[in-house]
Amino acid sequence: MTKSICALAHKPGSTRDQFQTYYEENHAPLAISHFPFSGYARNHVTNAADFRWDTISEFWADDIEAAAALMAGPVGEIMAADEERFMNRPMIASAGAEEVILSQGGCTGSDGSRTAILIRGVANDADARLSLLEWARGFARELPGVSIDFTSGWTQVAFPGEAVLWLPGWHDGLTTPAGLSAQILHVRHVETPASQLLGNSTVSRPA
C-alpha cells in the first residue's frame, strides 16, 4: 500500500470554516464515490490562523499512481469542477508519503483531536532523520497512534513540511531536536470508515 498527503486551502473570499464544512459535506463524499482509496482522512486545522492551508488530507491506496491517473480523465473533470467551488487550486500542495508507524492504536484523542508537527530540516540529511525518529519514539513509548510521514513533493507548491509527526490529542510547547524547525498544528481528524471506501476489499491500511 502507498500513501499520499495533501495540504489544501480555501478559495479567496471564503473562510476556513466554510472550506472545511464544504469539504466534509460535499467534496469528500464525491471523492469516495470515484477513487479506490483503502484509507482516507481529513485533518482540519483548528489553530494557526496564519497557516496558509486549512486541511491536510491523507490518502492510502493499493496503487496510488493508478488512483492519481483518474484525474487525467472524466473523474478529474468532475473533481476539478467541484474544487473550483471552494478551493484555492493554485495552492494545492501534494506529496508522496513514506509512513513510519511508531506505535499502534487510535491516532486521535477522545474528542477526535490530533497534533500535526510539520518538520523542516530532514530532507537529504540522514542524521537529522535519525534524530527525528529517536525524538518521535519517545512519544511512541507513552502514546498510541504515533506516526511520521516523510514527504516527497509532487506539486509546484511545496508541501509545508519535509516530515509530519502525528500525535493523538493536542500538544504544545514541544522542543524539537537541534537543527530542526517545526510548526505545531492542532487538527480535527475525520476518517472515512473503511466499509465506505472502494479500495477496502483488496488492501487494509495499517492499524
Protein backbone atom coordinates (compact mmCIF):
# COMPACT_ATOMS: atom_id res chain seq x y z
CA MET A 1 0.00 0.00 0.00
CA THR A 2 1.17 3.52 -0.72
CA LYS A 3 0.23 6.83 0.86
CA SER A 4 -0.01 10.42 -0.27
CA ILE A 5 -0.69 13.62 1.62
CA CYS A 6 -2.07 16.97 0.53
CA ALA A 7 -2.39 20.46 2.04
CA LEU A 8 -5.46 22.36 0.83
CA ALA A 9 -6.65 25.95 1.23
CA HIS A 10 -9.94 27.85 0.95
CA LYS A 11 -10.90 29.90 -2.07
CA PRO A 12 -10.31 33.66 -1.79
CA GLY A 13 -13.43 35.36 -0.48
CA SER A 14 -14.41 32.41 1.73
CA THR A 15 -13.28 31.26 5.16
CA ARG A 16 -11.56 28.28 6.76
CA ASP A 17 -14.81 27.16 8.38
CA GLN A 18 -16.69 27.36 5.09
CA PHE A 19 -13.96 25.39 3.36
CA GLN A 20 -13.90 22.62 5.95
CA THR A 21 -17.69 22.32 6.04
CA TYR A 22 -17.95 22.07 2.25
CA TYR A 23 -15.12 19.56 2.17
CA GLU A 24 -16.87 17.20 4.58
CA GLU A 25 -20.41 17.63 3.26
CA ASN A 26 -19.68 17.67 -0.48
CA HIS A 27 -16.13 17.09 -1.67
CA ALA A 28 -15.14 14.10 0.47
CA PRO A 29 -18.29 12.11 -0.46
CA LEU A 30 -17.60 12.89 -4.13
CA ALA A 31 -14.01 11.64 -3.86
CA ILE A 32 -15.10 8.49 -2.06
CA SER A 33 -17.50 7.64 -4.89
CA HIS A 34 -14.78 7.78 -7.57
CA PHE A 35 -11.39 6.79 -6.13
CA PRO A 36 -10.24 3.34 -4.97
CA PHE A 37 -8.91 4.51 -1.62
CA SER A 38 -8.16 1.95 1.07
CA GLY A 39 -7.87 4.79 3.59
CA TYR A 40 -8.97 8.42 3.51
CA ALA A 41 -8.76 11.02 6.29
CA ARG A 42 -9.01 14.80 6.61
CA ASN A 43 -7.15 16.77 9.28
CA HIS A 44 -8.89 20.13 9.64
CA VAL A 45 -6.67 22.83 11.15
CA THR A 46 -8.23 24.46 14.23
CA ASN A 47 -5.44 26.84 15.26
CA ALA A 48 -2.64 28.70 13.42
CA ALA A 49 -4.69 31.43 11.75
CA ASP A 50 -1.59 32.45 9.80
CA PHE A 51 -1.07 28.95 8.34
CA ARG A 52 -1.69 29.17 4.60
CA TRP A 53 -3.68 25.93 4.39
CA ASP A 54 -6.87 24.74 6.11
CA THR A 55 -6.79 20.96 5.85
CA ILE A 56 -4.18 18.24 5.46
CA SER A 57 -5.66 15.17 3.81
CA GLU A 58 -4.26 11.65 3.89
CA PHE A 59 -4.86 9.04 1.19
CA TRP A 60 -3.95 5.36 1.15
CA ALA A 61 -4.33 3.13 -1.91
CA ASP A 62 -3.13 -0.20 -3.24
CA ASP A 63 -1.88 1.72 -6.31
CA ILE A 64 -1.74 5.44 -5.58
CA GLU A 65 -0.46 6.18 -9.08
CA ALA A 66 -3.49 4.50 -10.65
CA ALA A 67 -5.75 6.49 -8.36
CA ALA A 68 -3.96 9.71 -9.32
CA ALA A 69 -4.23 8.81 -13.02
CA LEU A 70 -8.01 9.07 -12.77
CA MET A 71 -7.51 12.83 -12.52
CA ALA A 72 -6.47 12.83 -16.20
CA GLY A 73 -9.91 11.70 -17.37
CA PRO A 74 -13.61 12.36 -16.73
CA VAL A 75 -13.21 11.80 -12.99
CA GLY A 76 -10.61 14.57 -12.93
CA GLU A 77 -13.00 16.94 -14.66
CA ILE A 78 -15.69 16.22 -12.06
CA MET A 79 -13.30 16.71 -9.16
CA ALA A 80 -11.72 19.86 -10.60
CA ALA A 81 -15.12 21.44 -11.14
CA ASP A 82 -16.00 20.80 -7.51
CA GLU A 83 -12.62 22.08 -6.30
CA GLU A 84 -13.27 25.36 -8.11
CA ARG A 85 -16.35 25.87 -5.92
CA PHE A 86 -14.46 26.07 -2.64
CA MET A 87 -10.73 25.53 -3.02
CA ASN A 88 -7.74 27.72 -3.90
CA ARG A 89 -6.47 25.29 -6.53
CA PRO A 90 -3.10 27.02 -7.21
CA MET A 91 -2.28 26.44 -3.52
CA ILE A 92 -2.68 22.65 -3.66
CA ALA A 93 0.48 21.11 -2.17
CA SER A 94 0.62 17.34 -2.50
CA ALA A 95 3.35 14.81 -1.81
CA GLY A 96 4.10 11.16 -1.59
CA ALA A 97 4.43 9.98 2.00
CA GLU A 98 6.74 7.36 3.45
CA GLU A 99 4.70 6.40 6.50
CA VAL A 100 6.53 5.14 9.58
CA ILE A 101 4.17 3.83 12.26
CA LEU A 102 5.84 4.01 15.67
CA SER A 103 3.01 2.87 17.94
CA GLN A 104 -0.24 1.07 17.26
CA GLY A 105 -3.69 2.22 18.37
CA GLY A 106 -6.04 5.12 17.88
CA CYS A 107 -4.44 8.17 16.30
CA THR A 108 -6.65 10.80 17.99
CA GLY A 109 -7.71 11.98 21.41
CA SER A 110 -11.17 11.01 22.65
CA ASP A 111 -12.58 14.15 21.01
CA GLY A 112 -11.03 13.47 17.60
CA SER A 113 -8.17 15.90 18.17
CA ARG A 114 -4.70 15.38 16.80
CA THR A 115 -1.41 17.26 16.59
CA ALA A 116 0.47 17.58 13.32
CA ILE A 117 4.07 18.72 13.76
CA LEU A 118 5.42 19.91 10.42
CA ILE A 119 9.18 19.40 10.39
CA ARG A 120 11.80 21.03 8.20
CA GLY A 121 15.49 20.21 8.10
CA VAL A 122 15.40 16.45 7.42
CA ALA A 123 15.44 16.36 3.62
CA ASN A 124 18.57 14.61 2.35
CA ASP A 125 20.03 14.57 5.86
CA ALA A 126 20.29 11.05 7.27
CA ASP A 127 21.48 12.23 10.70
CA ALA A 128 18.57 14.66 11.04
CA ARG A 129 16.14 11.92 10.07
CA LEU A 130 17.58 9.60 12.72
CA SER A 131 17.37 12.39 15.29
CA LEU A 132 13.72 12.98 14.40
CA LEU A 133 12.91 9.27 14.65
CA GLU A 134 14.57 9.00 18.06
CA TRP A 135 12.62 12.03 19.32
CA ALA A 136 9.38 10.61 17.97
CA ARG A 137 9.99 7.21 19.57
CA GLY A 138 9.96 8.96 22.92
CA PHE A 139 6.33 9.94 22.30
CA ALA A 140 5.54 6.46 20.98
CA ARG A 141 6.64 4.89 24.26
CA GLU A 142 3.91 6.87 26.04
CA LEU A 143 1.18 7.33 23.40
CA PRO A 144 -0.71 5.14 20.93
CA GLY A 145 -1.11 6.07 17.28
CA VAL A 146 2.19 7.91 16.78
CA SER A 147 3.50 8.03 13.22
CA ILE A 148 5.73 10.04 10.90
CA ASP A 149 5.25 10.83 7.23
CA PHE A 150 8.43 11.65 5.32
CA THR A 151 7.23 13.63 2.32
CA SER A 152 8.35 13.83 -1.30
CA GLY A 153 6.78 16.75 -3.17
CA TRP A 154 4.62 16.25 -6.25
CA THR A 155 3.44 19.79 -6.99
CA GLN A 156 4.99 23.14 -7.81
CA VAL A 157 3.80 24.45 -4.45
CA ALA A 158 5.86 22.58 -1.86
CA PHE A 159 4.12 20.62 0.87
CA PRO A 160 4.67 22.63 4.09
CA GLY A 161 6.84 20.05 5.80
CA GLU A 162 9.60 17.64 4.87
CA ALA A 163 8.11 15.35 7.51
CA VAL A 164 4.95 15.30 9.63
CA LEU A 165 4.93 13.84 13.13
CA TRP A 166 1.38 12.88 14.10
CA LEU A 167 0.37 12.68 17.79
CA PRO A 168 -3.04 11.87 19.28
CA GLY A 169 -4.64 14.76 21.17
CA TRP A 170 -3.33 18.31 21.36
CA HIS A 171 0.23 19.09 22.40
CA ASP A 172 2.02 22.42 22.82
CA GLY A 173 5.40 23.65 23.99
CA LEU A 174 7.39 20.88 22.34
CA THR A 175 11.10 21.34 21.78
CA THR A 176 12.38 19.81 18.57
CA PRO A 177 15.85 18.28 18.19
CA ALA A 178 18.69 20.65 17.32
CA GLY A 179 18.83 21.62 13.67
CA LEU A 180 15.14 21.02 13.01
CA SER A 181 12.39 23.61 12.77
CA ALA A 182 8.73 22.83 13.36
CA GLN A 183 5.25 24.25 13.18
CA ILE A 184 2.67 22.75 15.50
CA LEU A 185 -0.89 22.43 14.21
CA HIS A 186 -3.93 21.34 16.16
CA VAL A 187 -6.32 19.47 13.89
CA ARG A 188 -9.72 17.80 13.96
CA HIS A 189 -9.32 14.36 12.42
CA VAL A 190 -12.14 12.92 10.32
CA GLU A 191 -11.63 9.47 8.80
CA THR A 192 -13.97 7.74 6.38
CA PRO A 193 -14.92 4.23 7.56
CA ALA A 194 -13.22 1.50 5.51
CA SER A 195 -16.60 -0.01 4.67
CA GLN A 196 -17.41 3.10 2.61
CA LEU A 197 -14.23 3.01 0.51
CA LEU A 198 -13.94 1.46 -2.95
CA GLY A 199 -10.47 0.05 -2.27
CA ASN A 200 -11.12 -1.60 1.09
CA SER A 201 -11.77 -5.03 -0.41
CA THR A 202 -8.20 -5.53 -1.62
CA VAL A 203 -5.92 -3.91 0.95
CA SER A 204 -6.44 -2.76 4.50
CA ARG A 205 -4.39 0.17 5.79
CA PRO A 206 -2.23 -0.38 8.87
CA ALA A 207 -3.93 -0.06 12.27
